[in-house]
Amino acid sequence: MVLFLGPWSVGKSTMINYLLGLENTRYQLYTGAEPTTSEFTVLMHGPKLKTIEGIVMAADSARSFSPLEKFGQNFLEKLIGIEVPHKLLERVTFVDTPGIIENRKQQERGYPFNDVCQWFIDRADLIFVVFDPTKLDVGLELEMLFRQLKGRESQIRIILNKADNLATQMLMRVYGALFWSLAPLINVTEPPRVYVSSFWPQDYRPDTHWDLFLKEEISLLEDLNQVIENRLENKIAFIRQHAIRVRIHALLVDRYLQTYKDKMTFFSDGELVFKDIVEDPDKFYIFKTILAKTNVSKFDLPNREAYKDFFGINPISSFKLLSQQCSYMGGCFLEKIERAITQELPGLLGSLGLGKNPGALNCDKTGCGETPKNRYKKH
């Protein structure tokens, strides 16, 4: 699944049309200068052109979209599926999203926009965040979106679209302004990959760096193909990353519970004791103990404030210590997840890599299908 996010009218739908070669065909997505996409549009492979309503997509158990029912009927009316007989879609699903409009309140959409985005983000193998030179400002909705992308930085690709509208000097300024806007939102040591080009079927404007733009397009297509080829590896790596988070969460809950039991006496008020622990976990060395006794990185620790909400919904009395969740036959839960993280999942990754020659792509065997139409073929 490849997800397209970004402000309105930056060329997301046009880019999908271009990558699939759908321009001027009956399959193409509608585009325009105004905010045109108000739905979540899922482009899938099918034997013939077919439009599927969101209610039908959610009701069909054979598809993977039934969990979307939880977002309500208002959202399902804004969900649409399009089946297209295109060979690239045999290997990838494209998801076009409504553009972010910063002066619109989230509740005016009629459904939880950020929650729906999170559902697709959690299932996406590649996430294109598209901008154009006129929409570089970051507002509350875009800031919230990047918070949701935290932990997914390796899957994010930034697109600076419509780049041939600018002269060289102005393009450099816009590129710098884009990084300046995004720097506070993407807190990683390595900046995300940024593709600078104009992803549509028209020729580049004269006196622009067409050779640079063509190389950027080729790089993006190679990147997309690589993600498709490495889908299993990426999925296993993500499962391992999620397992690490589950392990950290289990250790923290166990530490909260152990501290609670240590502080409780016969005359103690349990609610007041635990409130004191949850309000100031540093006073009881909750997080520092986890760092000292385990091989957990401090950068992987969750927000302390999140546990106030967590224990507000899940009473501490409903948990057992990890040491009590072991059995002679079944072993211990924590040992199982440790083994999965350190041995089983890395071993599975290694077995997939055996005999694999990265870069050698045999389309007769893998079914690469049609190459999207690109103007560099003319040169």
Foldseek 3Di string as FASTA:
>chain_A
DEEEAEAAQLCPQQLVCQQQVPPPHPQGDDHDNDQDQLAWEKEAADPAWDKDQLVRQLVDPVHPNVVVCVQDPLNSRRYMYIHHNALQRVLDMYIYHGGDDQVDDCCVSVTNRLVVLLVVLVVHLAYEYEDELVDQADHDVNLSNLVSCPVVLQRYEYEHAPLLVDAPVVSVVSVVSNCVRCVVSDPDPDHHHYQYAHNHADDRDPNHPVVSRVVSVVVVLVVVVVSSVCVVVSVLVVVLVVLLLVLLVLLLLLLLLVQLVVPDDPPDDSVVSSVVCLVCVVVVCSVVVCVVPDVDDPVSDDDSPVVVVVCVVPPSVVDDHQVVQADPVPGGPSVVSVCCNPPVSVVVSVVVCVPDDPPDDDCVVVVSGDRRDDPVVVD
